[in-house]
Amino acid sequence: MSNVKEILDSMKSATDDDARVIENAYLFAEKAHVGQTRFTGDPYVKHSLQTAKNLAEFGMDRDTIVAGLLHDVLEDGHATAKEIEKEFGRRVFFLVEGVTKLGKLKYQGVERHVESLRKLFIATAQDMRVLIIKLADRLHNMQTLHGHNREDKQKRIALETLEIYAPLADRLGMGRLKGELEDEAFPYLYPQEARRVKELLKERRQANEKYLSKFHRSLQKELAHHGMKNVHVDYRVKRLFSLYKKLVRAKSDIEKIYDITAVRIIVPTIEDCYKALGIIHGAWRPLPGRIKDYIALPKPNGYQSIHTTVFTGDGGIIEIQIRTEEMHKEAEFGIASHLAYKGGMGKPRKKGENLPKNVLWIQQFIDWQKHVSETGEFLENLKMDFFKDRVFVFTPKGDVIDLPEDSTSIDFAYAIHSDIGNHISGVKINGKLVSLDSKLKNGDIVEVTTKKGSHPTSKWMEWAKTTLARKNIRVATHKPAQKTKFK
């Protein structure tokens, strides 16, 4: 069956049994959706098939791929829970039911359908695969969004994708998926900006093509000259929406953006990563302050790589990324790759069992949302605390603290402990005394000093960004300081 073959070809090593079960699931979905079409006019099962194919490309296991084929049969098709469990087993049914219970998330700004988001996170905490199926489903929905004949629906779905699903993919470390979702949503929400960035990218790529090709060849020769074998060198072009965000920060000055094109070096081992870095810096002059070692200090979502930016010698400046094959897969597919490597897929999380370290924020979110009642506050805080771009900073002992972008020393202090936040008296960033409202940057080492006589003031509310800090400040400034006590 040619349709099923596309899925099997995308899997790492499909067995004959995999082929049999997936083919049965496809036929089951085809029967359940018989006579149904999507807004594009295509048979409904085509969407089920593409969702499953996306999951196979993410590296997911057979049960998840089967659940992807069946993810709409309970809600939109003609199938029963009993039939699914009997035919495909309890694990597949658990996933299909988990996705079905989420319902149709219809996001309309800060006012509606917050309960669907709560359900999404609770289901995700039980089994990460539920969320990954939703993301695979959303990717195909965005790729076919042009089939909607109502512009308001297109914009609503695109906004939901940009503000909810793409950040979720990012928090899961699924870099490729995040970029695809953002680029699909971008033209529907900002059509003029999307066209302009596309033109800029085309112009810059043409200008860079000549020296990029030359540098690519020189780099390969230099690595080979130093005896580096089994090295794969290619380059990638920055995605549209990612470039747009950088242009906004750079006030539209494209000359300040050095990673529009980046050379990527994939090597066998971590030792090879550092060897390649030494070879590169021996042959080309690096830009000061542009070396980032995400291998020694991974990003909170698990991303690992070494980044450096060098002068090419012929007027060009280019970013180079160095990583192993495993790091590359995790950078592309995030938690899906992580689970596959660690053998963590195939069963729901047991009660009391911890989530993987890089997705502990999901449990933090569930604990946090129990104390939030107002819909507007819920989504505002969600976007700030969980979906905003991240910075990660360090305690003097080297512990990583993951915070939203624009966080200050006050947010850092409360992230350590409420008592530290309530009694912060001074702060040093990278050894220098700074004011409490100083914004933190990636890689900062933050040292907080406390005094019993120091207490929050109402001014701190203007400086704090995170929900945790603001909540503690709000309580502390409305109670006698000596009675303030938080767990």
Protein backbone atom coordinates (compact mmCIF):
# COMPACT_ATOMS: atom_id res chain seq x y z
CA MET A 1 0.00 0.00 0.00
CA SER A 2 1.72 3.17 -1.25
CA ASN A 3 0.23 5.45 1.41
CA VAL A 4 1.51 3.30 4.26
CA LYS A 5 4.89 2.93 2.52
CA GLU A 6 5.47 6.69 2.95
CA ILE A 7 5.12 6.26 6.70
CA LEU A 8 7.30 3.15 6.86
CA ASP A 9 10.02 4.83 4.76
CA SER A 10 10.07 7.70 7.28
CA MET A 11 10.53 5.33 10.24
CA LYS A 12 14.03 4.40 11.39
CA SER A 13 13.74 0.63 11.12
CA ALA A 14 10.21 -0.57 10.52
CA THR A 15 9.58 -4.31 11.03
CA ASP A 16 7.10 -6.50 9.21
CA ASP A 17 4.91 -6.34 12.31
CA ASP A 18 5.05 -2.53 12.24
CA ALA A 19 3.95 -2.60 8.61
CA ARG A 20 1.02 -4.89 9.39
CA VAL A 21 -0.24 -2.83 12.36
CA ILE A 22 0.15 0.52 10.59
CA GLU A 23 -1.62 -0.78 7.48
CA ASN A 24 -4.50 -2.02 9.65
CA ALA A 25 -4.67 1.39 11.34
CA TYR A 26 -4.77 3.16 7.99
CA LEU A 27 -7.63 0.93 6.76
CA PHE A 28 -9.44 1.46 10.07
CA ALA A 29 -9.09 5.26 9.74
CA GLU A 30 -10.16 5.15 6.09
CA LYS A 31 -13.32 3.26 7.05
CA ALA A 32 -14.05 5.53 10.05
CA HIS A 33 -13.76 8.66 7.87
CA VAL A 34 -15.53 7.25 4.80
CA GLY A 35 -17.45 9.96 2.95
CA GLN A 36 -15.82 12.77 4.95
CA THR A 37 -13.79 15.55 3.37
CA ARG A 38 -11.75 18.39 4.84
CA PHE A 39 -12.07 22.09 4.02
CA THR A 40 -9.50 21.58 1.25
CA GLY A 41 -11.82 19.11 -0.49
CA ASP A 42 -9.41 16.20 0.15
CA PRO A 43 -10.62 12.92 1.69
CA TYR A 44 -10.37 13.26 5.50
CA VAL A 45 -8.07 10.25 5.81
CA LYS A 46 -5.38 12.19 3.93
CA HIS A 47 -4.99 14.40 7.00
CA SER A 48 -4.72 11.33 9.24
CA LEU A 49 -2.05 9.92 6.95
CA GLN A 50 0.02 13.10 6.93
CA THR A 51 -0.19 13.44 10.72
CA ALA A 52 1.15 9.89 11.05
CA LYS A 53 3.90 10.60 8.52
CA ASN A 54 4.95 13.68 10.49
CA LEU A 55 5.19 11.54 13.62
CA ALA A 56 7.33 8.99 11.79
CA GLU A 57 9.66 11.79 10.67
CA PHE A 58 9.91 13.00 14.28
CA GLY A 59 11.22 9.53 15.15
CA MET A 60 8.21 8.45 17.19
CA ASP A 61 7.35 4.84 18.03
CA ARG A 62 4.77 2.65 16.33
CA ASP A 63 2.02 3.18 18.92
CA THR A 64 2.28 6.95 18.49
CA ILE A 65 2.19 6.70 14.69
CA VAL A 66 -0.88 4.44 14.88
CA ALA A 67 -2.54 6.89 17.28
CA GLY A 68 -1.74 9.66 14.76
CA LEU A 69 -3.66 7.75 12.09
CA LEU A 70 -6.59 7.32 14.49
CA HIS A 71 -6.45 10.67 16.33
CA ASP A 72 -9.73 11.98 14.88
CA VAL A 73 -11.77 8.78 14.55
CA LEU A 74 -13.59 9.22 17.88
CA GLU A 75 -14.44 12.89 17.49
CA ASP A 76 -14.84 13.30 13.72
CA GLY A 77 -15.16 9.71 12.49
CA HIS A 78 -17.39 6.69 12.90
CA ALA A 79 -15.54 4.60 15.47
CA THR A 80 -15.97 3.69 19.12
CA ALA A 81 -13.50 3.57 22.00
CA LYS A 82 -14.18 -0.14 22.42
CA GLU A 83 -13.29 -0.85 18.78
CA ILE A 84 -9.97 1.02 19.03
CA GLU A 85 -8.90 -0.69 22.24
CA LYS A 86 -9.88 -4.13 20.94
CA GLU A 87 -8.10 -3.68 17.61
CA PHE A 88 -4.95 -1.78 18.65
CA GLY A 89 -4.54 -2.22 22.39
CA ARG A 90 -4.71 -0.17 25.54
CA ARG A 91 -1.66 2.00 24.85
CA VAL A 92 -2.89 3.24 21.49
CA PHE A 93 -6.35 3.84 22.93
CA PHE A 94 -4.82 5.85 25.79
CA LEU A 95 -3.16 8.19 23.27
CA VAL A 96 -6.21 8.53 21.00
CA GLU A 97 -8.42 9.21 24.01
CA GLY A 98 -5.90 11.73 25.34
CA VAL A 99 -5.92 13.70 22.09
CA THR A 100 -9.71 13.44 21.77
CA LYS A 101 -10.31 14.76 25.29
CA LEU A 102 -8.48 17.94 24.38
CA GLY A 103 -11.23 18.75 21.93
CA LYS A 104 -10.89 21.47 19.35
CA LEU A 105 -8.74 24.26 20.76
CA LYS A 106 -10.14 27.50 19.38
CA TYR A 107 -7.89 30.27 20.52
CA GLN A 108 -9.22 33.82 20.38
CA GLY A 109 -6.75 36.01 22.20
CA VAL A 110 -6.84 36.11 26.00
CA GLU A 111 -10.53 35.57 26.59
CA ARG A 112 -11.69 32.10 25.58
CA HIS A 113 -11.14 28.36 25.76
CA VAL A 114 -8.49 28.42 28.47
CA GLU A 115 -9.79 25.11 29.77
CA SER A 116 -8.55 23.40 26.59
CA LEU A 117 -5.04 24.62 27.32
CA ARG A 118 -5.22 23.32 30.87
CA LYS A 119 -6.33 19.92 29.56
CA LEU A 120 -3.50 19.94 27.05
CA PHE A 121 -0.84 20.33 29.73
CA ILE A 122 -2.41 17.80 32.09
CA ALA A 123 -2.62 15.21 29.28
CA THR A 124 0.97 16.01 28.30
CA ALA A 125 2.21 15.44 31.85
CA GLN A 126 0.64 11.97 31.73
CA ASP A 127 2.21 11.10 28.37
CA MET A 128 4.42 13.41 26.28
CA ARG A 129 3.23 11.69 23.12
CA VAL A 130 -0.23 13.26 23.39
CA LEU A 131 1.26 16.71 22.82
CA ILE A 132 3.54 15.48 20.04
CA ILE A 133 0.51 14.06 18.19
CA LYS A 134 -1.23 17.44 18.55
CA LEU A 135 1.83 19.17 17.10
CA ALA A 136 2.01 16.77 14.15
CA ASP A 137 -1.71 17.37 13.56
CA ARG A 138 -1.24 21.14 13.76
CA LEU A 139 1.64 21.12 11.26
CA HIS A 140 -0.54 19.58 8.56
CA ASN A 141 -3.44 21.90 9.47
CA MET A 142 -1.13 24.86 8.85
CA GLN A 143 0.21 23.43 5.60
CA THR A 144 -3.39 23.24 4.31
CA LEU A 145 -4.66 26.47 5.86
CA HIS A 146 -4.96 28.08 2.43
CA GLY A 147 -7.99 25.82 1.90
CA HIS A 148 -10.03 27.85 4.41
CA ASN A 149 -12.25 30.32 2.58
CA ARG A 150 -12.61 32.67 5.56
CA GLU A 151 -9.78 35.08 6.28
CA ASP A 152 -10.81 35.50 9.94
CA LYS A 153 -10.49 31.74 10.51
CA GLN A 154 -7.10 31.69 8.84
CA LYS A 155 -5.88 34.48 11.11
CA ARG A 156 -7.31 32.88 14.24
CA ILE A 157 -5.64 29.53 13.51
CA ALA A 158 -2.37 31.24 12.55
CA LEU A 159 -2.39 33.30 15.76
CA GLU A 160 -3.04 30.21 17.86
CA THR A 161 -0.15 28.48 16.10
CA LEU A 162 2.27 31.37 16.59
CA GLU A 163 1.37 32.04 20.23
CA ILE A 164 0.73 28.52 21.51
CA TYR A 165 1.94 25.66 19.31
CA ALA A 166 5.24 27.05 17.99
CA PRO A 167 6.41 28.04 21.50
CA LEU A 168 5.40 24.59 22.74
CA ALA A 169 7.53 22.98 20.03
CA ASP A 170 10.38 25.27 21.08
CA ARG A 171 10.07 24.35 24.77
CA LEU A 172 10.21 20.68 23.71
CA GLY A 173 13.42 21.40 21.77
CA MET A 174 11.77 20.55 18.43
CA GLY A 175 13.59 23.25 16.46
CA ARG A 176 12.62 22.19 12.97
CA LEU A 177 8.93 21.90 13.85
CA LYS A 178 8.95 25.26 15.64
CA GLY A 179 10.44 26.91 12.55
CA GLU A 180 7.96 25.26 10.19
CA LEU A 181 4.96 26.29 12.30
CA GLU A 182 6.19 29.90 12.57
CA ASP A 183 6.88 30.19 8.85
CA GLU A 184 3.46 28.76 7.98
CA ALA A 185 1.69 31.24 10.31
CA PHE A 186 3.79 34.31 9.46
CA PRO A 187 2.20 35.30 6.09
CA TYR A 188 -1.36 35.06 7.44
CA LEU A 189 -0.68 37.43 10.34
CA TYR A 190 1.92 39.80 8.85
CA PRO A 191 1.60 39.54 5.05
CA GLN A 192 3.55 42.71 4.19
CA GLU A 193 6.37 41.93 6.62
CA ALA A 194 6.56 38.33 5.36
CA ARG A 195 6.93 39.50 1.76
CA ARG A 196 9.61 42.04 2.73
CA VAL A 197 11.65 39.53 4.77
CA LYS A 198 11.42 37.03 1.92
CA GLU A 199 12.83 39.63 -0.47
CA LEU A 200 15.60 40.61 1.95
CA LEU A 201 16.53 36.97 2.46
CA LYS A 202 16.67 36.36 -1.28
CA GLU A 203 18.88 39.42 -1.83
CA ARG A 204 21.24 38.56 1.02
CA ARG A 205 21.47 34.91 0.02
CA GLN A 206 22.46 35.86 -3.51
CA ALA A 207 25.09 38.26 -2.14
CA ASN A 208 26.43 35.60 0.24
CA GLU A 209 26.36 32.69 -2.19
CA LYS A 210 29.78 33.36 -3.73
CA TYR A 211 31.86 33.66 -0.55
CA LEU A 212 29.77 31.04 1.25
CA SER A 213 30.53 28.42 -1.39
CA LYS A 214 34.22 29.34 -1.32
CA PHE A 215 34.35 29.22 2.48
CA HIS A 216 32.54 25.89 2.51
CA ARG A 217 35.23 24.32 0.31
CA SER A 218 38.06 25.90 2.32
CA LEU A 219 36.59 24.65 5.58
CA GLN A 220 36.30 21.08 4.31
CA LYS A 221 39.92 21.16 3.15
CA GLU A 222 41.14 22.60 6.46
CA LEU A 223 39.36 19.91 8.51
CA ALA A 224 40.65 17.14 6.21
CA HIS A 225 44.19 18.56 6.40
CA HIS A 226 44.09 18.11 10.18
CA GLY A 227 42.98 14.49 9.86
CA MET A 228 39.30 14.90 10.73
CA LYS A 229 37.32 12.05 9.18
CA ASN A 230 33.61 11.24 8.91
CA VAL A 231 32.80 14.95 9.01
CA HIS A 232 29.67 16.28 7.32
CA VAL A 233 29.67 19.97 6.38
CA ASP A 234 26.66 21.83 5.01
CA TYR A 235 24.91 25.13 5.56
CA ARG A 236 21.45 26.34 6.47
CA VAL A 237 19.60 29.59 5.74
CA LYS A 238 17.75 31.31 8.58
CA ARG A 239 13.98 30.82 8.58
CA LEU A 240 11.71 33.71 7.65
CA PHE A 241 10.01 34.37 10.97
CA SER A 242 13.21 33.89 12.92
CA LEU A 243 14.91 36.49 10.70
CA TYR A 244 11.93 38.82 11.12
CA LYS A 245 12.24 38.69 14.92
CA LYS A 246 15.97 39.44 14.70
CA LEU A 247 15.31 42.34 12.33
CA VAL A 248 12.84 43.82 14.81
CA ARG A 249 15.46 43.62 17.56
CA ALA A 250 18.13 45.05 15.24
CA LYS A 251 15.80 47.92 14.18
CA SER A 252 15.72 46.57 10.61
CA ASP A 253 19.51 46.76 10.18
CA ILE A 254 20.27 43.48 8.41
CA GLU A 255 24.01 44.23 8.56
CA LYS A 256 23.89 43.48 12.30
CA ILE A 257 22.65 39.92 11.74
CA TYR A 258 25.52 37.48 11.18
CA ASP A 259 23.67 34.17 11.15
CA ILE A 260 21.40 34.57 8.13
CA THR A 261 23.42 31.74 6.68
CA ALA A 262 25.32 29.38 8.97
CA VAL A 263 27.70 26.55 8.21
CA ARG A 264 26.94 23.37 10.14
CA ILE A 265 29.62 20.80 10.96
CA ILE A 266 28.50 17.38 12.18
CA VAL A 267 31.21 15.19 13.70
CA PRO A 268 31.29 11.75 15.40
CA THR A 269 32.17 12.71 18.99
CA ILE A 270 32.14 15.56 21.52
CA GLU A 271 35.97 15.58 21.43
CA ASP A 272 35.76 16.17 17.67
CA CYS A 273 33.52 19.21 18.26
CA TYR A 274 36.24 20.93 20.27
CA LYS A 275 38.98 19.79 17.88
CA ALA A 276 37.05 21.32 14.96
CA LEU A 277 36.61 24.56 16.90
CA GLY A 278 40.38 24.77 17.47
CA ILE A 279 41.11 24.14 13.78
CA ILE A 280 38.63 26.81 12.71
CA HIS A 281 40.00 29.44 15.08
CA GLY A 282 43.51 28.58 13.93
CA ALA A 283 42.58 29.31 10.33
CA TRP A 284 40.05 32.16 10.63
CA ARG A 285 39.77 35.03 13.08
CA PRO A 286 36.73 34.72 15.37
CA LEU A 287 34.53 37.68 16.27
CA PRO A 288 34.99 38.55 19.95
CA GLY A 289 32.06 37.64 22.18
CA ARG A 290 30.41 35.40 19.57
CA ILE A 291 31.55 31.99 20.86
CA LYS A 292 28.77 30.04 22.58
CA ASP A 293 29.36 26.61 24.08
CA TYR A 294 25.97 24.95 24.38
CA ILE A 295 27.65 21.54 24.76
CA ALA A 296 29.20 22.30 28.13
CA LEU A 297 26.15 24.40 29.06
CA PRO A 298 23.08 23.10 27.14
CA LYS A 299 20.00 25.27 26.67
CA PRO A 300 17.11 24.42 29.04
CA ASN A 301 15.26 22.62 26.22
CA GLY A 302 18.22 20.26 25.71
CA TYR A 303 19.82 21.97 22.69
CA GLN A 304 23.56 21.32 22.38
CA SER A 305 26.03 22.76 19.90
CA ILE A 306 29.06 25.03 19.70
CA HIS A 307 28.50 28.32 17.87
CA THR A 308 31.28 30.59 16.67
CA THR A 309 31.32 33.46 14.19
CA VAL A 310 34.40 34.13 12.05
CA PHE A 311 35.70 36.56 9.45
CA THR A 312 35.98 34.63 6.19
CA GLY A 313 38.90 36.72 4.93
CA ASP A 314 37.14 38.03 1.84
CA GLY A 315 34.85 40.55 3.48
CA GLY A 316 32.32 38.06 4.81
CA ILE A 317 31.27 37.11 8.32
CA ILE A 318 29.70 33.73 8.94
CA GLU A 319 28.39 31.68 11.87
CA ILE A 320 29.55 28.08 12.28
CA GLN A 321 27.68 25.48 14.32
CA ILE A 322 29.49 22.32 15.47
CA ARG A 323 27.68 19.30 16.89
CA THR A 324 27.48 15.51 16.90
CA GLU A 325 24.88 13.53 14.96
CA GLU A 326 22.95 12.82 18.16
CA MET A 327 22.96 16.53 19.07
CA HIS A 328 21.75 17.36 15.56
CA LYS A 329 18.82 14.96 15.81
CA GLU A 330 17.88 16.37 19.20
CA ALA A 331 18.15 19.94 17.85
CA GLU A 332 15.76 19.00 15.05
CA PHE A 333 13.32 16.75 16.91
CA GLY A 334 13.87 17.60 20.58
CA ILE A 335 12.01 15.52 23.11
CA ALA A 336 11.00 12.99 20.42
CA SER A 337 14.66 12.29 19.71
CA HIS A 338 15.49 12.34 23.42
CA LEU A 339 12.82 9.76 24.21
CA ALA A 340 13.94 7.57 21.32
CA TYR A 341 17.58 7.60 22.44
CA LYS A 342 16.74 6.94 26.07
CA GLY A 343 14.17 4.27 25.30
CA GLY A 344 11.54 6.26 27.15
CA MET A 345 8.61 5.77 24.80
CA GLY A 346 5.98 3.09 24.78
CA LYS A 347 4.09 3.69 28.01
CA PRO A 348 2.34 6.49 29.91
CA ARG A 349 4.11 8.09 32.85
CA LYS A 350 3.42 6.30 36.14
CA LYS A 351 2.00 8.22 39.06
CA GLY A 352 4.85 9.84 40.97
CA GLU A 353 7.34 9.25 38.13
CA ASN A 354 9.31 12.36 37.19
CA LEU A 355 9.15 13.95 33.75
CA PRO A 356 12.43 14.24 31.79
CA LYS A 357 14.52 17.10 33.21
CA ASN A 358 14.15 19.36 30.16
CA VAL A 359 10.34 19.26 30.32
CA LEU A 360 9.84 19.68 34.07
CA TRP A 361 8.26 23.05 33.23
CA ILE A 362 5.09 21.14 32.24
CA GLN A 363 4.60 19.95 35.81
CA GLN A 364 5.51 23.42 37.08
CA PHE A 365 2.81 24.82 34.81
CA ILE A 366 0.19 22.39 36.12
CA ASP A 367 1.08 23.24 39.72
CA TRP A 368 1.02 26.96 38.94
CA GLN A 369 -2.29 27.02 37.03
CA LYS A 370 -4.17 25.53 40.00
CA HIS A 371 -3.81 28.91 41.71
CA VAL A 372 -4.95 30.99 38.73
CA SER A 373 -8.65 31.63 38.29
CA GLU A 374 -8.94 34.58 35.93
CA THR A 375 -8.87 33.68 32.24
CA GLY A 376 -7.02 36.83 31.20
CA GLU A 377 -4.42 36.40 33.93
CA PHE A 378 -3.98 32.75 32.97
CA LEU A 379 -3.07 33.41 29.34
CA GLU A 380 -1.07 36.54 30.06
CA ASN A 381 1.06 34.68 32.59
CA LEU A 382 1.26 31.60 30.38
CA LYS A 383 2.71 33.60 27.52
CA MET A 384 5.17 35.36 29.82
CA ASP A 385 6.34 32.49 32.02
CA PHE A 386 6.21 29.54 29.64
CA PHE A 387 6.09 30.69 26.01
CA LYS A 388 8.30 33.78 25.92
CA ASP A 389 11.83 33.46 24.54
CA ARG A 390 14.13 32.14 27.26
CA VAL A 391 17.34 33.30 28.92
CA PHE A 392 19.37 30.98 31.07
CA VAL A 393 21.68 32.33 33.72
CA PHE A 394 23.83 30.79 36.41
CA THR A 395 24.20 30.85 40.16
CA PRO A 396 27.77 31.27 41.46
CA LYS A 397 27.81 27.48 41.97
CA GLY A 398 27.03 26.90 38.29
CA ASP A 399 23.36 25.87 38.59
CA VAL A 400 21.27 26.87 35.56
CA ILE A 401 18.20 29.06 36.15
CA ASP A 402 15.77 29.17 33.22
CA LEU A 403 13.81 32.46 32.98
CA PRO A 404 11.70 34.32 30.41
CA GLU A 405 13.42 36.94 28.28
CA ASP A 406 13.53 40.42 29.92
CA SER A 407 13.67 38.90 33.42
CA THR A 408 15.51 40.90 36.07
CA SER A 409 17.60 40.11 39.14
CA ILE A 410 14.38 40.12 41.19
CA ASP A 411 12.93 37.30 39.05
CA PHE A 412 16.18 35.38 39.50
CA ALA A 413 16.08 35.76 43.29
CA TYR A 414 12.49 34.50 43.55
CA ALA A 415 13.29 31.60 41.22
CA ILE A 416 15.89 30.48 43.77
CA HIS A 417 13.60 30.81 46.83
CA SER A 418 10.84 33.14 48.01
CA ASP A 419 12.83 34.10 51.13
CA ILE A 420 15.79 35.16 49.01
CA GLY A 421 13.52 37.25 46.81
CA ASN A 422 11.80 38.85 49.79
CA HIS A 423 15.11 39.90 51.37
CA ILE A 424 17.27 40.74 48.36
CA SER A 425 19.47 43.76 49.11
CA GLY A 426 21.97 43.76 46.26
CA VAL A 427 23.05 41.87 43.16
CA LYS A 428 26.18 41.28 41.14
CA ILE A 429 26.07 40.24 37.50
CA ASN A 430 29.35 38.79 36.25
CA GLY A 431 31.07 40.21 39.32
CA LYS A 432 29.80 43.79 38.93
CA LEU A 433 27.29 45.49 41.21
CA VAL A 434 24.11 46.39 39.31
CA SER A 435 20.66 47.71 40.12
CA LEU A 436 17.80 45.32 40.95
CA ASP A 437 15.97 46.18 37.73
CA SER A 438 18.90 45.10 35.51
CA LYS A 439 17.77 42.74 32.74
CA LEU A 440 19.53 39.40 32.51
CA LYS A 441 21.25 38.01 29.43
CA ASN A 442 22.09 34.45 28.43
CA GLY A 443 25.14 33.19 30.30
CA ASP A 444 25.13 35.82 33.07
CA ILE A 445 26.44 34.70 36.46
CA VAL A 446 24.14 36.23 39.06
CA GLU A 447 25.00 36.60 42.73
CA VAL A 448 22.36 37.87 45.16
CA THR A 449 22.99 39.28 48.64
CA THR A 450 20.23 39.41 51.26
CA LYS A 451 19.52 41.28 54.48
CA LYS A 452 16.83 40.64 57.07
CA GLY A 453 15.87 44.28 56.95
CA SER A 454 15.34 44.32 53.17
CA HIS A 455 11.76 43.87 51.94
CA PRO A 456 9.86 44.20 48.66
CA THR A 457 8.40 47.57 47.67
CA SER A 458 5.63 48.39 45.23
CA LYS A 459 8.33 49.57 42.80
CA TRP A 460 9.47 45.96 42.46
CA MET A 461 6.19 45.14 40.70
CA GLU A 462 7.32 47.30 37.76
CA TRP A 463 10.67 45.49 37.58
CA ALA A 464 9.54 41.88 38.07
CA LYS A 465 8.39 39.94 35.00
CA THR A 466 7.59 36.42 36.19
CA THR A 467 4.31 35.36 37.79
CA LEU A 468 6.17 33.83 40.74
CA ALA A 469 8.01 37.04 41.60
CA ARG A 470 4.99 39.29 41.14
CA LYS A 471 2.80 37.01 43.24
CA ASN A 472 5.29 37.04 46.14
CA ILE A 473 5.82 40.80 45.91
CA ARG A 474 2.07 41.42 45.85
CA VAL A 475 1.57 39.37 49.01
CA ALA A 476 4.62 40.80 50.79
CA THR A 477 3.67 44.43 50.17
CA HIS A 478 0.19 43.87 51.58
CA LYS A 479 1.31 42.20 54.82
CA PRO A 480 3.64 43.18 57.66
CA ALA A 481 7.12 42.24 56.43
CA GLN A 482 8.03 40.19 59.52
CA LYS A 483 5.02 37.92 59.02
CA THR A 484 5.73 37.18 55.37
CA LYS A 485 6.41 33.52 54.92
CA PHE A 486 6.15 31.42 51.77
CA LYS A 487 6.75 27.82 50.97
